[in-house]
PDB file of all heavy atoms in Angstrom:
ATOM      1  N   ARG A   1      -2.204   0.287  12.693  1.00  0.00           N
ATOM      2  CA  ARG A   1      -0.984  -0.161  13.338  1.00  0.00           C
ATOM      3  C   ARG A   1      -0.073   1.006  13.683  1.00  0.00           C
ATOM      4  O   ARG A   1       0.658   0.983  14.664  1.00  0.00           O
ATOM      5  CB  ARG A   1      -0.265  -1.149  12.423  1.00  0.00           C
ATOM      6  CG  ARG A   1       0.871  -1.916  13.093  1.00  0.00           C
ATOM      7  CD  ARG A   1       1.353  -3.038  12.178  1.00  0.00           C
ATOM      8  NE  ARG A   1       2.475  -2.599  11.389  1.00  0.00           N
ATOM      9  CZ  ARG A   1       2.971  -3.307  10.380  1.00  0.00           C
ATOM     10  NH1 ARG A   1       2.400  -4.435  10.013  1.00  0.00           N
ATOM     11  NH2 ARG A   1       4.016  -2.871   9.700  1.00  0.00           N
ATOM     12  N   HIS A   2      -0.128   2.058  12.855  1.00  0.00           N
ATOM     13  CA  HIS A   2       0.810   3.181  13.012  1.00  0.00           C
ATOM     14  C   HIS A   2       0.138   4.459  13.489  1.00  0.00           C
ATOM     15  O   HIS A   2       0.827   5.364  13.956  1.00  0.00           O
ATOM     16  CB  HIS A   2       1.516   3.438  11.692  1.00  0.00           C
ATOM     17  CG  HIS A   2       2.434   2.319  11.252  1.00  0.00           C
ATOM     18  ND1 HIS A   2       3.690   2.159  11.756  1.00  0.00           N
ATOM     19  CD2 HIS A   2       2.239   1.312  10.371  1.00  0.00           C
ATOM     20  CE1 HIS A   2       4.256   1.100  11.217  1.00  0.00           C
ATOM     21  NE2 HIS A   2       3.410   0.558  10.359  1.00  0.00           N
ATOM     22  N   HIS A   3      -1.161   4.538  13.346  1.00  0.00           N
ATOM     23  CA  HIS A   3      -1.862   5.760  13.726  1.00  0.00           C
ATOM     24  C   HIS A   3      -3.139   5.395  14.506  1.00  0.00           C
ATOM     25  O   HIS A   3      -4.008   4.698  13.984  1.00  0.00           O
ATOM     26  CB  HIS A   3      -2.255   6.591  12.501  1.00  0.00           C
ATOM     27  CG  HIS A   3      -1.103   6.864  11.574  1.00  0.00           C
ATOM     28  ND1 HIS A   3      -0.125   7.817  11.832  1.00  0.00           N
ATOM     29  CD2 HIS A   3      -0.748   6.272  10.389  1.00  0.00           C
ATOM     30  CE1 HIS A   3       0.762   7.824  10.836  1.00  0.00           C
ATOM     31  NE2 HIS A   3       0.407   6.896   9.965  1.00  0.00           N
ATOM     32  N   VAL A   4      -3.226   5.876  15.738  1.00  0.00           N
ATOM     33  CA  VAL A   4      -4.355   5.524  16.583  1.00  0.00           C
ATOM     34  C   VAL A   4      -5.403   6.633  16.655  1.00  0.00           C
ATOM     35  O   VAL A   4      -6.443   6.457  17.276  1.00  0.00           O
ATOM     36  CB  VAL A   4      -3.877   5.208  18.038  1.00  0.00           C
ATOM     37  CG1 VAL A   4      -2.971   3.983  18.018  1.00  0.00           C
ATOM     38  CG2 VAL A   4      -3.143   6.384  18.654  1.00  0.00           C
ATOM     39  N   SER A   5      -5.146   7.772  16.024  1.00  0.00           N
ATOM     40  CA  SER A   5      -6.056   8.897  16.104  1.00  0.00           C
ATOM     41  C   SER A   5      -7.316   8.714  15.285  1.00  0.00           C
ATOM     42  O   SER A   5      -8.337   9.340  15.517  1.00  0.00           O
ATOM     43  CB  SER A   5      -5.343  10.177  15.657  1.00  0.00           C
ATOM     44  OG  SER A   5      -5.044  10.114  14.269  1.00  0.00           O
ATOM     45  N   GLY A   6      -7.233   7.846  14.244  1.00  0.00           N
ATOM     46  CA  GLY A   6      -8.349   7.662  13.360  1.00  0.00           C
ATOM     47  C   GLY A   6      -8.411   8.632  12.205  1.00  0.00           C
ATOM     48  O   GLY A   6      -9.327   8.600  11.387  1.00  0.00           O
ATOM     49  N   ALA A   7      -7.427   9.536  12.117  1.00  0.00           N
ATOM     50  CA  ALA A   7      -7.413  10.508  11.030  1.00  0.00           C
ATOM     51  C   ALA A   7      -7.136   9.817   9.695  1.00  0.00           C
ATOM     52  O   ALA A   7      -6.414   8.824   9.615  1.00  0.00           O
ATOM     53  CB  ALA A   7      -6.329  11.553  11.312  1.00  0.00           C
ATOM     54  N   LYS A   8      -7.732  10.366   8.629  1.00  0.00           N
ATOM     55  CA  LYS A   8      -7.596   9.791   7.302  1.00  0.00           C
ATOM     56  C   LYS A   8      -7.720  10.882   6.257  1.00  0.00           C
ATOM     57  O   LYS A   8      -8.580  11.741   6.338  1.00  0.00           O
ATOM     58  CB  LYS A   8      -8.667   8.734   7.063  1.00  0.00           C
ATOM     59  CG  LYS A   8      -8.550   7.994   5.736  1.00  0.00           C
ATOM     60  CD  LYS A   8      -9.693   7.056   5.536  1.00  0.00           C
ATOM     61  CE  LYS A   8      -9.562   6.262   4.210  1.00  0.00           C
ATOM     62  NZ  LYS A   8      -9.434   7.177   3.033  1.00  0.00           N
ATOM     63  N   SER A   9      -6.840  10.819   5.238  1.00  0.00           N
ATOM     64  CA  SER A   9      -6.916  11.725   4.107  1.00  0.00           C
ATOM     65  C   SER A   9      -6.306  11.019   2.896  1.00  0.00           C
ATOM     66  O   SER A   9      -5.534  10.058   3.054  1.00  0.00           O
ATOM     67  CB  SER A   9      -6.202  13.053   4.376  1.00  0.00           C
ATOM     68  OG  SER A   9      -4.804  12.832   4.479  1.00  0.00           O
ATOM     69  N   ASP A  10      -6.622  11.509   1.684  1.00  0.00           N
ATOM     70  CA  ASP A  10      -6.079  10.878   0.491  1.00  0.00           C
ATOM     71  C   ASP A  10      -4.566  10.980   0.447  1.00  0.00           C
ATOM     72  O   ASP A  10      -3.861  10.018   0.094  1.00  0.00           O
ATOM     73  CB  ASP A  10      -6.693  11.529  -0.746  1.00  0.00           C
ATOM     74  CG  ASP A  10      -8.188  11.223  -0.887  1.00  0.00           C
ATOM     75  OD1 ASP A  10      -8.640  10.271  -0.226  1.00  0.00           O
ATOM     76  OD2 ASP A  10      -8.888  11.965  -1.592  1.00  0.00           O
ATOM     77  N   GLY A  11      -4.044  12.165   0.800  1.00  0.00           N
ATOM     78  CA  GLY A  11      -2.591  12.342   0.784  1.00  0.00           C
ATOM     79  C   GLY A  11      -1.901  11.430   1.797  1.00  0.00           C
ATOM     80  O   GLY A  11      -0.860  10.837   1.499  1.00  0.00           O
ATOM     81  N   ALA A  12      -2.492  11.321   2.967  1.00  0.00           N
ATOM     82  CA  ALA A  12      -1.920  10.457   4.005  1.00  0.00           C
ATOM     83  C   ALA A  12      -1.975   8.975   3.588  1.00  0.00           C
ATOM     84  O   ALA A  12      -1.057   8.198   3.851  1.00  0.00           O
ATOM     85  CB  ALA A  12      -2.661  10.649   5.326  1.00  0.00           C
ATOM     86  N   ASP A  13      -3.051   8.609   2.898  1.00  0.00           N
ATOM     87  CA  ASP A  13      -3.158   7.227   2.423  1.00  0.00           C
ATOM     88  C   ASP A  13      -2.116   6.913   1.351  1.00  0.00           C
ATOM     89  O   ASP A  13      -1.620   5.784   1.261  1.00  0.00           O
ATOM     90  CB  ASP A  13      -4.556   6.951   1.867  1.00  0.00           C
ATOM     91  CG  ASP A  13      -5.573   6.692   2.977  1.00  0.00           C
ATOM     92  OD1 ASP A  13      -5.160   6.587   4.148  1.00  0.00           O
ATOM     93  OD2 ASP A  13      -6.771   6.595   2.698  1.00  0.00           O
ATOM     94  N   ALA A  14      -1.791   7.891   0.490  1.00  0.00           N
ATOM     95  CA  ALA A  14      -0.751   7.706  -0.510  1.00  0.00           C
ATOM     96  C   ALA A  14       0.580   7.433   0.162  1.00  0.00           C
ATOM     97  O   ALA A  14       1.348   6.546  -0.253  1.00  0.00           O
ATOM     98  CB  ALA A  14      -0.677   8.918  -1.429  1.00  0.00           C
ATOM     99  N   LYS A  15       0.888   8.245   1.202  1.00  0.00           N
ATOM    100  CA  LYS A  15       2.127   8.000   1.960  1.00  0.00           C
ATOM    101  C   LYS A  15       2.113   6.621   2.624  1.00  0.00           C
ATOM    102  O   LYS A  15       3.117   5.916   2.653  1.00  0.00           O
ATOM    103  CB  LYS A  15       2.293   9.105   3.008  1.00  0.00           C
ATOM    104  CG  LYS A  15       3.553   8.933   3.862  1.00  0.00           C
ATOM    105  CD  LYS A  15       3.653  10.017   4.916  1.00  0.00           C
ATOM    106  CE  LYS A  15       4.890   9.799   5.776  1.00  0.00           C
ATOM    107  NZ  LYS A  15       5.011  10.826   6.856  1.00  0.00           N
ATOM    108  N   LEU A  16       0.952   6.258   3.163  1.00  0.00           N
ATOM    109  CA  LEU A  16       0.821   4.944   3.802  1.00  0.00           C
ATOM    110  C   LEU A  16       1.104   3.819   2.837  1.00  0.00           C
ATOM    111  O   LEU A  16       1.788   2.851   3.140  1.00  0.00           O
ATOM    112  CB  LEU A  16      -0.603   4.851   4.368  1.00  0.00           C
ATOM    113  CG  LEU A  16      -0.884   3.652   5.291  1.00  0.00           C
ATOM    114  CD1 LEU A  16      -0.240   3.894   6.654  1.00  0.00           C
ATOM    115  CD2 LEU A  16      -2.367   3.436   5.445  1.00  0.00           C
ATOM    116  N   LEU A  17       0.553   3.918   1.612  1.00  0.00           N
ATOM    117  CA  LEU A  17       0.772   2.891   0.606  1.00  0.00           C
ATOM    118  C   LEU A  17       2.256   2.806   0.213  1.00  0.00           C
ATOM    119  O   LEU A  17       2.784   1.694   0.028  1.00  0.00           O
ATOM    120  CB  LEU A  17      -0.072   3.186  -0.629  1.00  0.00           C
ATOM    121  CG  LEU A  17      -1.563   2.880  -0.492  1.00  0.00           C
ATOM    122  CD1 LEU A  17      -2.356   3.565  -1.605  1.00  0.00           C
ATOM    123  CD2 LEU A  17      -1.793   1.371  -0.532  1.00  0.00           C
ATOM    124  N   ALA A  18       2.893   3.960   0.088  1.00  0.00           N
ATOM    125  CA  ALA A  18       4.336   3.947  -0.247  1.00  0.00           C
ATOM    126  C   ALA A  18       5.127   3.281   0.868  1.00  0.00           C
ATOM    127  O   ALA A  18       6.052   2.455   0.597  1.00  0.00           O
ATOM    128  CB  ALA A  18       4.831   5.366  -0.465  1.00  0.00           C
ATOM    129  N   ASP A  19       4.827   3.581   2.093  1.00  0.00           N
ATOM    130  CA  ASP A  19       5.540   2.990   3.231  1.00  0.00           C
ATOM    131  C   ASP A  19       5.234   1.509   3.341  1.00  0.00           C
ATOM    132  O   ASP A  19       6.114   0.706   3.714  1.00  0.00           O
ATOM    133  CB  ASP A  19       5.163   3.719   4.516  1.00  0.00           C
ATOM    134  CG  ASP A  19       6.172   3.536   5.621  1.00  0.00           C
ATOM    135  OD1 ASP A  19       7.379   3.558   5.334  1.00  0.00           O
ATOM    136  OD2 ASP A  19       5.764   3.322   6.781  1.00  0.00           O
ATOM    137  N   LEU A  20       4.019   1.140   3.030  1.00  0.00           N
ATOM    138  CA  LEU A  20       3.634  -0.286   3.110  1.00  0.00           C
ATOM    139  C   LEU A  20       4.436  -1.125   2.127  1.00  0.00           C
ATOM    140  O   LEU A  20       4.962  -2.188   2.496  1.00  0.00           O
ATOM    141  CB  LEU A  20       2.135  -0.416   2.847  1.00  0.00           C
ATOM    142  CG  LEU A  20       1.465  -1.760   3.144  1.00  0.00           C
ATOM    143  CD1 LEU A  20      -0.014  -1.570   3.481  1.00  0.00           C
ATOM    144  CD2 LEU A  20       1.604  -2.734   2.006  1.00  0.00           C
ATOM    145  N   VAL A  21       4.558  -0.692   0.862  1.00  0.00           N
ATOM    146  CA  VAL A  21       5.317  -1.475  -0.099  1.00  0.00           C
ATOM    147  C   VAL A  21       6.810  -1.387   0.157  1.00  0.00           C
ATOM    148  O   VAL A  21       7.589  -2.261  -0.270  1.00  0.00           O
ATOM    149  CB  VAL A  21       4.992  -1.056  -1.569  1.00  0.00           C
ATOM    150  CG1 VAL A  21       3.556  -1.390  -1.924  1.00  0.00           C
ATOM    151  CG2 VAL A  21       5.273   0.417  -1.819  1.00  0.00           C
ATOM    152  N   ARG A  22       7.230  -0.358   0.867  1.00  0.00           N
ATOM    153  CA  ARG A  22       8.648  -0.270   1.240  1.00  0.00           C
ATOM    154  C   ARG A  22       9.025  -1.320   2.272  1.00  0.00           C
ATOM    155  O   ARG A  22      10.093  -1.931   2.188  1.00  0.00           O
ATOM    156  CB  ARG A  22       8.951   1.140   1.768  1.00  0.00           C
ATOM    157  CG  ARG A  22      10.434   1.371   2.174  1.00  0.00           C
ATOM    158  CD  ARG A  22      10.649   2.784   2.632  1.00  0.00           C
ATOM    159  NE  ARG A  22      10.026   3.047   3.935  1.00  0.00           N
ATOM    160  CZ  ARG A  22      10.587   2.818   5.114  1.00  0.00           C
ATOM    161  NH1 ARG A  22      11.838   2.334   5.176  1.00  0.00           N
ATOM    162  NH2 ARG A  22       9.940   3.094   6.223  1.00  0.00           N
ATOM    163  N   THR A  23       8.161  -1.555   3.227  1.00  0.00           N
ATOM    164  CA  THR A  23       8.473  -2.437   4.335  1.00  0.00           C
ATOM    165  C   THR A  23       7.826  -3.825   4.263  1.00  0.00           C
ATOM    166  O   THR A  23       8.393  -4.813   4.756  1.00  0.00           O
ATOM    167  CB  THR A  23       8.079  -1.791   5.669  1.00  0.00           C
ATOM    168  OG1 THR A  23       6.654  -1.540   5.659  1.00  0.00           O
ATOM    169  CG2 THR A  23       8.809  -0.475   5.882  1.00  0.00           C
ATOM    170  N   ASP A  24       6.622  -3.897   3.664  1.00  0.00           N
ATOM    171  CA  ASP A  24       5.855  -5.149   3.751  1.00  0.00           C
ATOM    172  C   ASP A  24       5.445  -5.708   2.404  1.00  0.00           C
ATOM    173  O   ASP A  24       4.536  -6.539   2.343  1.00  0.00           O
ATOM    174  CB  ASP A  24       4.565  -4.909   4.564  1.00  0.00           C
ATOM    175  CG  ASP A  24       4.846  -4.780   6.050  1.00  0.00           C
ATOM    176  OD1 ASP A  24       6.025  -4.791   6.427  1.00  0.00           O
ATOM    177  OD2 ASP A  24       3.873  -4.693   6.828  1.00  0.00           O
ATOM    178  N   ARG A  25       6.107  -5.334   1.329  1.00  0.00           N
ATOM    179  CA  ARG A  25       5.627  -5.781   0.027  1.00  0.00           C
ATOM    180  C   ARG A  25       5.750  -7.303  -0.141  1.00  0.00           C
ATOM    181  O   ARG A  25       5.033  -7.893  -0.966  1.00  0.00           O
ATOM    182  CB  ARG A  25       6.352  -5.071  -1.114  1.00  0.00           C
ATOM    183  CG  ARG A  25       7.848  -5.335  -1.210  1.00  0.00           C
ATOM    184  CD  ARG A  25       8.465  -4.501  -2.328  1.00  0.00           C
ATOM    185  NE  ARG A  25       9.901  -4.701  -2.439  1.00  0.00           N
ATOM    186  CZ  ARG A  25      10.805  -4.087  -1.710  1.00  0.00           C
ATOM    187  NH1 ARG A  25      10.441  -3.241  -0.750  1.00  0.00           N
ATOM    188  NH2 ARG A  25      12.095  -4.315  -1.905  1.00  0.00           N
ATOM    189  N   HIS A  26       6.627  -7.940   0.593  1.00  0.00           N
ATOM    190  CA  HIS A  26       6.754  -9.380   0.484  1.00  0.00           C
ATOM    191  C   HIS A  26       5.508 -10.111   0.942  1.00  0.00           C
ATOM    192  O   HIS A  26       5.323 -11.292   0.671  1.00  0.00           O
ATOM    193  CB  HIS A  26       7.975  -9.850   1.306  1.00  0.00           C
ATOM    194  CG  HIS A  26       7.895  -9.497   2.773  1.00  0.00           C
ATOM    195  ND1 HIS A  26       8.145  -8.241   3.260  1.00  0.00           N
ATOM    196  CD2 HIS A  26       7.561 -10.281   3.868  1.00  0.00           C
ATOM    197  CE1 HIS A  26       7.980  -8.224   4.577  1.00  0.00           C
ATOM    198  NE2 HIS A  26       7.617  -9.452   4.959  1.00  0.00           N
ATOM    199  N   ASN A  27       4.644  -9.419   1.695  1.00  0.00           N
ATOM    200  CA  ASN A  27       3.391 -10.041   2.162  1.00  0.00           C
ATOM    201  C   ASN A  27       2.206  -9.776   1.229  1.00  0.00           C
ATOM    202  O   ASN A  27       1.077 -10.150   1.551  1.00  0.00           O
ATOM    203  CB  ASN A  27       3.051  -9.521   3.559  1.00  0.00           C
ATOM    204  CG  ASN A  27       3.992 -10.005   4.607  1.00  0.00           C
ATOM    205  OD1 ASN A  27       4.405 -11.166   4.579  1.00  0.00           O
ATOM    206  ND2 ASN A  27       4.374  -9.132   5.540  1.00  0.00           N
ATOM    207  N   HIS A  28       2.478  -9.125   0.094  1.00  0.00           N
ATOM    208  CA  HIS A  28       1.378  -8.750  -0.800  1.00  0.00           C
ATOM    209  C   HIS A  28       1.651  -9.246  -2.211  1.00  0.00           C
ATOM    210  O   HIS A  28       2.751  -9.657  -2.534  1.00  0.00           O
ATOM    211  CB  HIS A  28       1.174  -7.218  -0.782  1.00  0.00           C
ATOM    212  CG  HIS A  28       0.791  -6.703   0.576  1.00  0.00           C
ATOM    213  ND1 HIS A  28      -0.500  -6.702   1.024  1.00  0.00           N
ATOM    214  CD2 HIS A  28       1.537  -6.191   1.575  1.00  0.00           C
ATOM    215  CE1 HIS A  28      -0.535  -6.212   2.256  1.00  0.00           C
ATOM    216  NE2 HIS A  28       0.691  -5.887   2.617  1.00  0.00           N
ATOM    217  N   ARG A  29       0.612  -9.177  -3.026  1.00  0.00           N
ATOM    218  CA  ARG A  29       0.645  -9.777  -4.358  1.00  0.00           C
ATOM    219  C   ARG A  29       1.011  -8.749  -5.399  1.00  0.00           C
ATOM    220  O   ARG A  29       0.386  -7.699  -5.535  1.00  0.00           O
ATOM    221  CB  ARG A  29      -0.730 -10.402  -4.676  1.00  0.00           C
ATOM    222  CG  ARG A  29      -0.814 -10.992  -6.066  1.00  0.00           C
ATOM    223  CD  ARG A  29      -2.148 -11.737  -6.234  1.00  0.00           C
ATOM    224  NE  ARG A  29      -3.299 -10.861  -6.011  1.00  0.00           N
ATOM    225  CZ  ARG A  29      -3.874 -10.137  -6.955  1.00  0.00           C
ATOM    226  NH1 ARG A  29      -3.391 -10.163  -8.192  1.00  0.00           N
ATOM    227  NH2 ARG A  29      -4.904  -9.376  -6.691  1.00  0.00           N
ATOM    228  N   ARG A  30       2.051  -9.079  -6.165  1.00  0.00           N
ATOM    229  CA  ARG A  30       2.431  -8.229  -7.301  1.00  0.00           C
ATOM    230  C   ARG A  30       1.458  -8.484  -8.452  1.00  0.00           C
ATOM    231  O   ARG A  30       1.068  -9.621  -8.724  1.00  0.00           O
ATOM    232  CB  ARG A  30       3.856  -8.522  -7.735  1.00  0.00           C
ATOM    233  CG  ARG A  30       4.352  -7.614  -8.851  1.00  0.00           C
ATOM    234  CD  ARG A  30       5.824  -7.885  -9.150  1.00  0.00           C
ATOM    235  NE  ARG A  30       6.273  -7.128 -10.304  1.00  0.00           N
ATOM    236  CZ  ARG A  30       7.501  -7.132 -10.767  1.00  0.00           C
ATOM    237  NH1 ARG A  30       8.421  -7.874 -10.147  1.00  0.00           N
ATOM    238  NH2 ARG A  30       7.824  -6.401 -11.834  1.00  0.00           N
ATOM    239  N   ILE A  31       1.072  -7.435  -9.122  1.00  0.00           N
ATOM    240  CA  ILE A  31       0.128  -7.550 -10.229  1.00  0.00           C
ATOM    241  C   ILE A  31       0.792  -8.350 -11.367  1.00  0.00           C
ATOM    242  O   ILE A  31       1.936  -8.070 -11.748  1.00  0.00           O
ATOM    243  CB  ILE A  31      -0.322  -6.184 -10.736  1.00  0.00           C
ATOM    244  CG1 ILE A  31      -1.187  -5.492  -9.674  1.00  0.00           C
ATOM    245  CG2 ILE A  31      -1.086  -6.284 -12.040  1.00  0.00           C
ATOM    246  CD1 ILE A  31      -1.643  -4.104 -10.037  1.00  0.00           C
ATOM    247  N   ALA A  32       0.072  -9.334 -11.826  1.00  0.00           N
ATOM    248  CA  ALA A  32       0.626 -10.267 -12.826  1.00  0.00           C
ATOM    249  C   ALA A  32       0.745  -9.597 -14.195  1.00  0.00           C
ATOM    250  O   ALA A  32      -0.019  -8.702 -14.553  1.00  0.00           O
ATOM    251  CB  ALA A  32      -0.259 -11.491 -12.933  1.00  0.00           C
ATOM    252  N   GLY A  33       1.728 -10.100 -14.949  1.00  0.00           N
ATOM    253  CA  GLY A  33       1.917  -9.629 -16.314  1.00  0.00           C
ATOM    254  C   GLY A  33       1.207 -10.544 -17.289  1.00  0.00           C
ATOM    255  O   GLY A  33       1.840 -11.227 -18.099  1.00  0.00           O
ATOM    256  N   ASP A  34      -0.127 -10.594 -17.201  1.00  0.00           N
ATOM    257  CA  ASP A  34      -0.874 -11.498 -18.088  1.00  0.00           C
ATOM    258  C   ASP A  34      -0.883 -10.980 -19.512  1.00  0.00           C
ATOM    259  O   ASP A  34      -0.778  -9.791 -19.760  1.00  0.00           O
ATOM    260  CB  ASP A  34      -2.326 -11.640 -17.589  1.00  0.00           C
ATOM    261  CG  ASP A  34      -2.409 -12.344 -16.243  1.00  0.00           C
ATOM    262  OD1 ASP A  34      -1.543 -13.184 -15.969  1.00  0.00           O
ATOM    263  OD2 ASP A  34      -3.349 -12.057 -15.467  1.00  0.00           O
ATOM    264  N   SER A  35      -1.054 -11.887 -20.447  1.00  0.00           N
ATOM    265  CA  SER A  35      -1.117 -11.538 -21.860  1.00  0.00           C
ATOM    266  C   SER A  35      -2.443 -10.862 -22.184  1.00  0.00           C
ATOM    267  O   SER A  35      -3.432 -11.062 -21.463  1.00  0.00           O
ATOM    268  CB  SER A  35      -0.961 -12.789 -22.735  1.00  0.00           C
ATOM    269  OG  SER A  35      -2.117 -13.626 -22.590  1.00  0.00           O
ATOM    270  N   PRO A  36      -2.503 -10.078 -23.246  1.00  0.00           N
ATOM    271  CA  PRO A  36      -3.772  -9.461 -23.664  1.00  0.00           C
ATOM    272  C   PRO A  36      -4.861 -10.516 -23.917  1.00  0.00           C
ATOM    273  O   PRO A  36      -6.040 -10.263 -23.656  1.00  0.00           O
ATOM    274  CB  PRO A  36      -3.412  -8.699 -24.945  1.00  0.00           C
ATOM    275  CG  PRO A  36      -1.953  -8.391 -24.790  1.00  0.00           C
ATOM    276  CD  PRO A  36      -1.373  -9.595 -24.072  1.00  0.00           C
ATOM    277  N   ASN A  37      -4.464 -11.672 -24.436  1.00  0.00           N
ATOM    278  CA  ASN A  37      -5.436 -12.751 -24.675  1.00  0.00           C
ATOM    279  C   ASN A  37      -6.078 -13.206 -23.372  1.00  0.00           C
ATOM    280  O   ASN A  37      -7.287 -13.408 -23.265  1.00  0.00           O
ATOM    281  CB  ASN A  37      -4.761 -13.911 -25.402  1.00  0.00           C
ATOM    282  CG  ASN A  37      -5.766 -14.918 -25.912  1.00  0.00           C
ATOM    283  OD1 ASN A  37      -6.967 -14.787 -25.751  1.00  0.00           O
ATOM    284  ND2 ASN A  37      -5.262 -15.946 -26.598  1.00  0.00           N
TER     285      ASN A  37
END
């Protein structure tokens, strides 16, 4: 959606993930706080 060049790197993906949860986290699932049991 944001990059059409097809370039990919681990560092760029980390930035992408940070930006994704900054703008679109309401569309994703927060990890549950399940009990150890």
